[in-house]
Amino acid sequence: MGTARYSGEFKRDAVALVESSGRRISSVARELGVNPESLRQWVARSRAAASPSGAGGEGPLNPEEREELRRLRKQVRELELEKEILRKAAAYFQGDGSMTGRWRFISDHRHLYGVQRLCRVLTVSASGFYRWTAAAAARAARRAADEDLAASIAEIHEESNGAYGVPRVTREIRERHGPVNHKRVARLMRERGLAGRHLRRKARTTVADKSVPPAPDLVERAFEAPAPDVRWCGDITYLPVGGSWMYLATVIDMHSRRVVGWSLAEHMQAGLVVDAVTSAVEARGGDVRGVVFHSDRGAQYTSAAFAQVCCTHGIRRSMGRVGSSYDNALAESFFATLKRELLYGSRWLTRPEARMAVFAWMAWYNRSRRHSALGYRSPVDYERHHASTIDNLGLVA
């Protein structure tokens, strides 16, 4: 392994973590595994670039500089208010980030922050809010009608011993009470936790490209390696952000379970996995020739772009069978851990908020989280222990 090189994106995220957490640079540097002095320089350069006086020149400010300083201070105050609004909104919504929830939040906080500011921060229109306010009476009537319909739905659902889902409940409602929209029935059942009995399916992130010949399985479910950068594995999962999704691709070293590379984006195109592998190569110093990368047979991993990046860095591709989660069990297990520990009780309203949370958790996972399969060492500590052992064996020889 060579000396790690950090991308500009990594440096910006590291500086953002220092600025947003309020922690000491030495603490954040230890968590990220970077030299504290390097992180201190990144922070200093970032602050100098943002300073109205540039690199810290001395002397009194001229009128233009004072005006610029006043403007920037006003901007900082506004940003602090926006951050406060988002923090309160996250607690207020409690998982309900719907448009109605936003209107209610604005109505409850309009005298504290003002309608225009609240609408801007929550990315809604002020005219829409005023229309919602004017329609309060009509909403009350609809709520009363919904309550009556929900009572009928609950009665039918109970009569079927919980077996009826939306289609059968809708049909029964129409037989008893007349026309009703199935989407309205679905919404009322969802809001009250009512559902028919059915087999649950997971969201599909693996779509095989049958036109591309797969790589051989060089792992055969043996998810271990005698040293770092012998075998890697990777996969894609989805994360809920606001009312949409973001997709996370990872590269995990089978020796230490360390996440050596990852990428987070709004799409599931081949560039997602290419970026993840590229970041892993950079983190490992640039020379990873001979490492095996194991994945499923999703279209992203069978793409020409992914094959090219592997060929460029001398990475040997390996693939499991179609539809078998056991053939990539280590990556599946990691995503189960991530969702259990990172997503539980959390809801991200914006993509930058999600990215910062993933960035901080990945650093904690690699450097602090104790792994039962590693003798309760963290992945980074396990690699250090392995390197120390190899060095000691070399001295004895």
Protein backbone atom coordinates (compact mmCIF):
# COMPACT_ATOMS: atom_id res chain seq x y z
CA MET A 1 0.00 0.00 0.00
CA GLY A 2 1.25 3.49 -0.85
CA THR A 3 0.64 6.82 0.80
CA ALA A 4 -3.05 7.76 0.82
CA ARG A 5 -4.07 10.69 -1.36
CA TYR A 6 -7.15 12.68 -0.51
CA SER A 7 -9.47 14.04 -3.14
CA GLY A 8 -10.78 17.60 -3.06
CA GLU A 9 -14.22 16.21 -2.24
CA PHE A 10 -12.84 14.35 0.80
CA LYS A 11 -11.10 17.50 2.02
CA ARG A 12 -14.27 19.58 1.66
CA ASP A 13 -16.31 16.98 3.53
CA ALA A 14 -13.69 16.78 6.28
CA VAL A 15 -13.69 20.58 6.71
CA ALA A 16 -17.50 20.59 6.72
CA LEU A 17 -17.49 17.95 9.47
CA VAL A 18 -15.19 20.14 11.61
CA GLU A 19 -17.27 23.27 11.04
CA SER A 20 -20.67 21.62 11.59
CA SER A 21 -19.76 19.49 14.63
CA GLY A 22 -17.85 22.13 16.63
CA ARG A 23 -15.37 19.45 17.72
CA ARG A 24 -11.60 19.84 17.99
CA ILE A 25 -9.61 19.33 14.84
CA SER A 26 -7.48 16.68 16.53
CA SER A 27 -10.60 14.68 17.43
CA VAL A 28 -12.02 14.81 13.92
CA ALA A 29 -8.62 14.01 12.41
CA ARG A 30 -8.31 10.95 14.61
CA GLU A 31 -11.76 9.79 13.57
CA LEU A 32 -11.04 10.27 9.86
CA GLY A 33 -7.51 8.85 10.10
CA VAL A 34 -5.78 11.91 8.69
CA ASN A 35 -2.85 13.93 9.97
CA PRO A 36 -4.17 16.61 12.36
CA GLU A 37 -1.86 19.22 10.84
CA SER A 38 -3.15 18.40 7.35
CA LEU A 39 -6.74 18.80 8.51
CA ARG A 40 -5.81 22.04 10.30
CA GLN A 41 -4.34 23.40 7.05
CA TRP A 42 -7.47 22.40 5.08
CA VAL A 43 -9.65 24.21 7.60
CA ALA A 44 -7.39 27.28 7.61
CA ARG A 45 -7.42 27.50 3.81
CA SER A 46 -11.19 27.11 3.75
CA ARG A 47 -11.68 29.85 6.36
CA ALA A 48 -9.20 32.15 4.63
CA ALA A 49 -11.03 31.72 1.34
CA ALA A 50 -14.32 32.62 3.04
CA SER A 51 -12.89 35.60 4.95
CA PRO A 52 -13.84 39.05 3.59
CA SER A 53 -10.28 40.25 4.17
CA GLY A 54 -8.74 37.41 2.15
CA ALA A 55 -5.57 35.95 3.66
CA GLY A 56 -5.71 38.04 6.81
CA GLY A 57 -4.39 41.40 5.72
CA GLU A 58 -4.06 44.10 8.33
CA GLY A 59 -5.22 47.71 8.42
CA PRO A 60 -8.61 49.46 8.62
CA LEU A 61 -11.36 48.47 6.26
CA ASN A 62 -12.37 50.81 3.50
CA PRO A 63 -16.10 51.56 2.91
CA GLU A 64 -16.45 48.82 0.30
CA GLU A 65 -14.89 46.26 2.63
CA ARG A 66 -17.10 47.33 5.53
CA GLU A 67 -20.17 46.97 3.37
CA GLU A 68 -19.02 43.53 2.25
CA LEU A 69 -18.39 42.53 5.88
CA ARG A 70 -21.86 43.74 6.85
CA ARG A 71 -23.39 41.78 4.01
CA LEU A 72 -21.53 38.61 4.94
CA ARG A 73 -22.50 38.92 8.59
CA LYS A 74 -26.12 39.28 7.56
CA GLN A 75 -25.75 36.24 5.37
CA VAL A 76 -24.27 34.22 8.25
CA ARG A 77 -27.17 35.23 10.51
CA GLU A 78 -29.62 34.17 7.84
CA LEU A 79 -27.87 30.82 7.43
CA GLU A 80 -27.98 30.26 11.18
CA LEU A 81 -31.72 30.96 11.16
CA GLU A 82 -32.21 28.52 8.29
CA LYS A 83 -30.26 25.86 10.17
CA GLU A 84 -32.42 26.44 13.23
CA ILE A 85 -35.59 26.15 11.14
CA LEU A 86 -34.45 22.86 9.59
CA ARG A 87 -33.57 21.44 13.00
CA LYS A 88 -37.00 22.34 14.39
CA ALA A 89 -38.71 21.05 11.24
CA ALA A 90 -37.01 17.65 11.55
CA ALA A 91 -38.29 17.30 15.12
CA TYR A 92 -41.75 18.63 14.16
CA PHE A 93 -42.31 16.34 11.18
CA GLN A 94 -41.44 13.10 13.05
CA GLY A 95 -41.28 11.18 9.82
CA ASP A 96 -44.02 13.17 8.04
CA GLY A 97 -42.29 15.29 5.43
CA SER A 98 -45.44 15.66 3.34
CA MET A 99 -46.56 18.99 1.92
CA THR A 100 -49.36 19.17 4.49
CA GLY A 101 -46.83 18.70 7.27
CA ARG A 102 -44.79 21.60 5.88
CA TRP A 103 -47.85 23.86 5.69
CA ARG A 104 -48.66 23.09 9.31
CA PHE A 105 -45.11 23.80 10.42
CA ILE A 106 -45.15 27.16 8.61
CA SER A 107 -48.50 28.05 10.19
CA ASP A 108 -47.24 27.22 13.69
CA HIS A 109 -43.96 29.16 13.28
CA ARG A 110 -44.95 32.03 10.99
CA HIS A 111 -44.87 34.68 13.75
CA LEU A 112 -41.37 33.61 14.82
CA TYR A 113 -39.62 33.41 11.44
CA GLY A 114 -41.97 34.91 8.88
CA VAL A 115 -43.83 33.17 6.07
CA GLN A 116 -41.41 34.11 3.27
CA ARG A 117 -38.32 32.77 5.06
CA LEU A 118 -40.06 29.55 6.12
CA CYS A 119 -41.32 28.93 2.60
CA ARG A 120 -37.86 29.50 1.14
CA VAL A 121 -36.12 27.16 3.59
CA LEU A 122 -38.73 24.41 3.14
CA THR A 123 -38.73 24.91 -0.65
CA VAL A 124 -42.46 25.65 -0.97
CA SER A 125 -44.30 28.65 -2.42
CA ALA A 126 -45.83 31.34 -0.23
CA SER A 127 -48.84 31.52 -2.53
CA GLY A 128 -49.39 27.81 -1.99
CA PHE A 129 -49.29 28.30 1.77
CA TYR A 130 -51.90 31.05 1.61
CA ARG A 131 -54.14 28.89 -0.57
CA TRP A 132 -53.79 26.10 2.00
CA THR A 133 -54.75 28.52 4.78
CA ALA A 134 -57.81 29.72 2.87
CA ALA A 135 -59.00 26.14 2.36
CA ALA A 136 -59.09 25.29 6.08
CA ALA A 137 -62.89 24.87 6.19
CA ALA A 138 -62.93 22.55 3.19
CA ARG A 139 -60.16 20.46 4.74
CA ALA A 140 -62.13 20.12 7.95
CA ALA A 141 -65.10 18.75 5.97
CA ARG A 142 -62.86 16.31 4.13
CA ARG A 143 -61.33 15.14 7.42
CA ALA A 144 -64.79 14.42 8.80
CA ALA A 145 -65.67 12.45 5.66
CA ASP A 146 -62.36 10.58 5.89
CA GLU A 147 -63.08 9.61 9.49
CA ASP A 148 -66.45 8.15 8.48
CA LEU A 149 -64.89 6.24 5.60
CA ALA A 150 -62.00 5.04 7.78
CA ALA A 151 -64.49 3.59 10.27
CA SER A 152 -66.09 1.57 7.48
CA ILE A 153 -62.68 0.44 6.23
CA ALA A 154 -61.64 -0.71 9.70
CA GLU A 155 -64.90 -2.64 10.07
CA ILE A 156 -64.42 -4.44 6.75
CA HIS A 157 -60.76 -5.14 7.48
CA GLU A 158 -61.67 -6.66 10.84
CA GLU A 159 -64.43 -8.76 9.31
CA SER A 160 -61.86 -10.30 6.96
CA ASN A 161 -59.54 -11.08 9.89
CA GLY A 162 -56.98 -8.73 8.37
CA ALA A 163 -56.81 -10.60 5.06
CA TYR A 164 -58.30 -7.87 2.83
CA GLY A 165 -55.99 -5.37 1.20
CA VAL A 166 -56.83 -2.21 -0.76
CA PRO A 167 -58.51 -3.87 -3.81
CA ARG A 168 -60.93 -6.03 -1.80
CA VAL A 169 -61.67 -3.33 0.78
CA THR A 170 -62.41 -0.88 -2.06
CA ARG A 171 -64.74 -3.35 -3.72
CA GLU A 172 -66.58 -4.00 -0.43
CA ILE A 173 -66.91 -0.26 0.26
CA ARG A 174 -68.41 0.30 -3.20
CA GLU A 175 -70.88 -2.53 -2.65
CA ARG A 176 -72.01 -1.12 0.70
CA HIS A 177 -71.72 2.66 0.33
CA GLY A 178 -71.30 3.54 -3.33
CA PRO A 179 -68.38 4.90 -5.42
CA VAL A 180 -65.01 5.52 -3.74
CA ASN A 181 -61.52 6.09 -5.16
CA HIS A 182 -59.11 3.20 -4.46
CA LYS A 183 -56.26 5.72 -3.87
CA ARG A 184 -58.28 7.29 -1.07
CA VAL A 185 -58.85 3.87 0.49
CA ALA A 186 -55.12 3.11 0.19
CA ARG A 187 -54.20 6.38 1.90
CA LEU A 188 -56.59 5.85 4.81
CA MET A 189 -55.42 2.27 5.31
CA ARG A 190 -51.79 3.33 5.21
CA GLU A 191 -52.35 6.13 7.72
CA ARG A 192 -53.99 3.68 10.13
CA GLY A 193 -51.51 0.87 9.66
CA LEU A 194 -53.99 -1.46 7.93
CA ALA A 195 -52.79 -3.83 5.24
CA GLY A 196 -53.78 -7.16 3.75
CA ARG A 197 -51.65 -10.25 4.14
CA HIS A 198 -49.04 -10.49 1.42
CA LEU A 199 -45.43 -11.43 0.83
CA ARG A 200 -43.17 -8.42 1.19
CA ARG A 201 -40.63 -7.64 -1.48
CA LYS A 202 -37.50 -5.57 -1.05
CA ALA A 203 -36.73 -2.62 -3.28
CA ARG A 204 -34.75 -3.92 -6.24
CA THR A 205 -31.31 -2.44 -6.79
CA THR A 206 -29.81 -5.32 -8.81
CA VAL A 207 -30.93 -5.59 -12.43
CA ALA A 208 -28.83 -8.00 -14.45
CA ASP A 209 -27.73 -7.12 -17.98
CA LYS A 210 -28.21 -10.42 -19.82
CA SER A 211 -26.45 -9.14 -22.94
CA VAL A 212 -23.07 -8.90 -21.19
CA PRO A 213 -21.10 -12.06 -20.29
CA PRO A 214 -20.46 -12.15 -16.52
CA ALA A 215 -17.09 -12.46 -14.86
CA PRO A 216 -16.30 -15.78 -13.10
CA ASP A 217 -16.90 -16.26 -9.37
CA LEU A 218 -13.38 -16.04 -7.87
CA VAL A 219 -14.65 -15.91 -4.28
CA GLU A 220 -17.23 -18.73 -4.03
CA ARG A 221 -18.65 -17.41 -0.75
CA ALA A 222 -15.24 -17.39 0.99
CA PHE A 223 -15.50 -13.80 2.25
CA GLU A 224 -12.04 -13.53 3.76
CA ALA A 225 -8.52 -12.61 2.72
CA PRO A 226 -5.07 -13.10 4.27
CA ALA A 227 -4.12 -9.42 3.91
CA PRO A 228 -5.53 -6.05 2.83
CA ASP A 229 -6.12 -5.40 -0.87
CA VAL A 230 -6.36 -9.07 -1.82
CA ARG A 231 -10.15 -9.28 -2.10
CA TRP A 232 -12.73 -6.50 -2.20
CA CYS A 233 -16.49 -6.70 -2.54
CA GLY A 234 -19.15 -4.12 -3.30
CA ASP A 235 -22.85 -3.53 -3.73
CA ILE A 236 -25.51 -0.79 -4.02
CA THR A 237 -28.27 0.13 -1.59
CA TYR A 238 -30.87 2.89 -1.36
CA LEU A 239 -31.33 5.55 1.33
CA PRO A 240 -34.50 7.63 1.84
CA VAL A 241 -33.91 11.39 1.59
CA GLY A 242 -36.90 13.69 1.85
CA GLY A 243 -39.48 12.36 -0.56
CA SER A 244 -37.01 10.57 -2.86
CA TRP A 245 -33.99 8.25 -2.78
CA MET A 246 -30.21 8.41 -2.90
CA TYR A 247 -28.08 5.42 -3.82
CA LEU A 248 -24.94 4.29 -2.00
CA ALA A 249 -22.22 2.13 -3.58
CA THR A 250 -19.46 0.70 -1.39
CA VAL A 251 -16.12 -1.07 -1.72
CA ILE A 252 -15.26 -3.28 1.30
CA ASP A 253 -11.95 -5.01 1.98
CA MET A 254 -12.72 -8.64 2.89
CA HIS A 255 -9.65 -8.86 5.13
CA SER A 256 -10.64 -6.13 7.58
CA ARG A 257 -14.28 -5.30 6.62
CA ARG A 258 -13.01 -1.76 6.05
CA VAL A 259 -14.99 0.47 3.69
CA VAL A 260 -12.12 1.58 1.47
CA GLY A 261 -14.33 3.44 -1.00
CA TRP A 262 -17.89 4.64 -1.43
CA SER A 263 -20.04 6.91 -3.54
CA LEU A 264 -23.45 8.51 -2.90
CA ALA A 265 -25.61 9.83 -5.76
CA GLU A 266 -29.19 10.39 -6.91
CA HIS A 267 -28.90 7.75 -9.63
CA MET A 268 -27.97 4.08 -10.10
CA GLN A 269 -25.93 4.51 -13.26
CA ALA A 270 -22.54 2.92 -13.86
CA GLY A 271 -20.81 6.12 -12.73
CA LEU A 272 -21.95 5.38 -9.17
CA VAL A 273 -19.86 2.19 -8.89
CA VAL A 274 -17.01 3.65 -10.95
CA ASP A 275 -16.71 6.53 -8.47
CA ALA A 276 -16.77 4.11 -5.52
CA VAL A 277 -13.91 2.01 -6.94
CA THR A 278 -11.94 5.12 -7.91
CA SER A 279 -12.18 6.45 -4.35
CA ALA A 280 -11.02 3.05 -3.03
CA VAL A 281 -7.99 3.09 -5.33
CA GLU A 282 -7.09 6.60 -4.14
CA ALA A 283 -7.51 5.63 -0.47
CA ARG A 284 -5.14 2.68 -0.98
CA GLY A 285 -2.41 4.83 -2.49
CA GLY A 286 -3.11 4.29 -6.19
CA ASP A 287 -1.57 0.84 -6.73
CA VAL A 288 -4.03 -2.04 -6.21
CA ARG A 289 -3.00 -4.31 -9.07
CA GLY A 290 -4.16 -7.89 -8.62
CA VAL A 291 -6.96 -7.20 -6.12
CA VAL A 292 -10.16 -9.17 -6.74
CA PHE A 293 -13.40 -7.17 -6.75
CA HIS A 294 -16.50 -9.29 -6.12
CA SER A 295 -20.05 -8.09 -6.85
CA ASP A 296 -23.44 -9.24 -8.03
CA ARG A 297 -24.37 -9.25 -11.71
CA GLY A 298 -26.19 -5.91 -11.72
CA ALA A 299 -26.03 -3.82 -14.88
CA GLN A 300 -23.74 -1.30 -13.16
CA TYR A 301 -21.07 -3.96 -12.51
CA THR A 302 -21.36 -5.53 -15.96
CA SER A 303 -21.11 -2.16 -17.71
CA ALA A 304 -18.26 -1.22 -20.05
CA ALA A 305 -17.40 1.78 -17.84
CA PHE A 306 -16.88 -0.41 -14.79
CA ALA A 307 -14.88 -2.97 -16.76
CA GLN A 308 -12.65 -0.15 -18.03
CA VAL A 309 -11.88 1.29 -14.58
CA CYS A 310 -11.04 -2.20 -13.31
CA CYS A 311 -8.75 -2.84 -16.28
CA THR A 312 -7.03 0.53 -15.79
CA HIS A 313 -6.11 -0.28 -12.19
CA GLY A 314 -5.40 -3.99 -12.68
CA ILE A 315 -8.47 -5.09 -10.69
CA ARG A 316 -9.75 -8.64 -11.34
CA ARG A 317 -13.54 -8.80 -11.53
CA SER A 318 -15.56 -11.54 -9.81
CA MET A 319 -19.36 -12.05 -9.79
CA GLY A 320 -21.82 -14.22 -7.93
CA ARG A 321 -24.93 -15.84 -9.36
CA VAL A 322 -28.08 -13.96 -10.34
CA GLY A 323 -30.61 -13.58 -7.52
CA SER A 324 -28.42 -15.12 -4.79
CA SER A 325 -27.79 -12.73 -1.89
CA TYR A 326 -25.55 -15.37 -0.26
CA ASP A 327 -23.03 -14.98 -3.08
CA ASN A 328 -22.37 -11.42 -1.86
CA ALA A 329 -23.26 -11.93 1.80
CA LEU A 330 -20.53 -9.69 3.25
CA ALA A 331 -21.79 -6.62 1.37
CA GLU A 332 -25.41 -7.48 2.27
CA SER A 333 -24.45 -7.82 5.94
CA PHE A 334 -22.70 -4.44 5.91
CA PHE A 335 -25.78 -2.70 4.49
CA ALA A 336 -27.95 -4.32 7.16
CA THR A 337 -25.62 -2.88 9.81
CA LEU A 338 -25.59 0.55 8.17
CA LYS A 339 -29.38 0.78 7.97
CA ARG A 340 -29.84 -0.51 11.51
CA GLU A 341 -27.33 1.87 13.06
CA LEU A 342 -27.47 4.93 10.79
CA LEU A 343 -31.08 5.11 9.63
CA TYR A 344 -32.88 4.04 12.80
CA GLY A 345 -34.86 7.01 14.11
CA SER A 346 -33.36 9.34 11.48
CA ARG A 347 -34.93 11.20 8.59
CA TRP A 348 -32.92 13.37 6.21
CA LEU A 349 -34.72 16.23 4.50
CA THR A 350 -31.89 17.27 2.16
CA ARG A 351 -29.14 15.54 0.18
CA PRO A 352 -26.29 17.51 1.85
CA GLU A 353 -27.63 16.46 5.25
CA ALA A 354 -27.70 12.81 4.15
CA ARG A 355 -24.21 12.99 2.68
CA MET A 356 -22.71 14.47 5.86
CA ALA A 357 -24.41 11.81 8.01
CA VAL A 358 -23.08 8.99 5.81
CA PHE A 359 -19.60 10.54 5.72
CA ALA A 360 -19.42 10.79 9.52
CA TRP A 361 -20.82 7.27 10.05
CA MET A 362 -18.38 5.71 7.56
CA ALA A 363 -15.45 7.32 9.39
CA TRP A 364 -16.78 6.07 12.73
CA TYR A 365 -17.39 2.58 11.34
CA ASN A 366 -13.87 2.25 9.93
CA ARG A 367 -11.99 3.68 12.90
CA SER A 368 -14.10 3.10 16.00
CA ARG A 369 -16.83 0.50 15.58
CA ARG A 370 -15.83 -2.85 17.06
CA HIS A 371 -16.50 -5.78 14.75
CA SER A 372 -17.25 -9.22 16.21
CA ALA A 373 -15.64 -10.98 13.21
CA LEU A 374 -12.40 -9.05 13.86
CA GLY A 375 -12.03 -9.97 17.51
CA TYR A 376 -13.96 -6.81 18.41
CA ARG A 377 -11.38 -4.55 16.79
CA SER A 378 -12.27 -1.76 14.40
CA PRO A 379 -11.39 -2.34 10.72
CA VAL A 380 -8.54 0.20 10.81
CA ASP A 381 -7.18 -1.19 14.09
CA TYR A 382 -7.37 -4.71 12.66
CA GLU A 383 -5.28 -3.67 9.65
CA ARG A 384 -2.73 -1.99 11.91
CA HIS A 385 -2.53 -5.12 14.07
CA HIS A 386 -2.00 -7.24 10.95
CA ALA A 387 0.76 -4.93 9.68
CA SER A 388 2.46 -4.97 13.10
CA THR A 389 2.35 -8.76 13.18
CA ILE A 390 3.89 -9.01 9.72
CA ASP A 391 6.65 -6.57 10.73
CA ASN A 392 7.43 -8.56 13.87
CA LEU A 393 7.61 -11.80 11.91
CA GLY A 394 9.98 -10.11 9.50
CA LEU A 395 12.26 -9.02 12.36
CA VAL A 396 12.30 -12.56 13.82
CA ALA A 397 13.23 -14.00 10.45
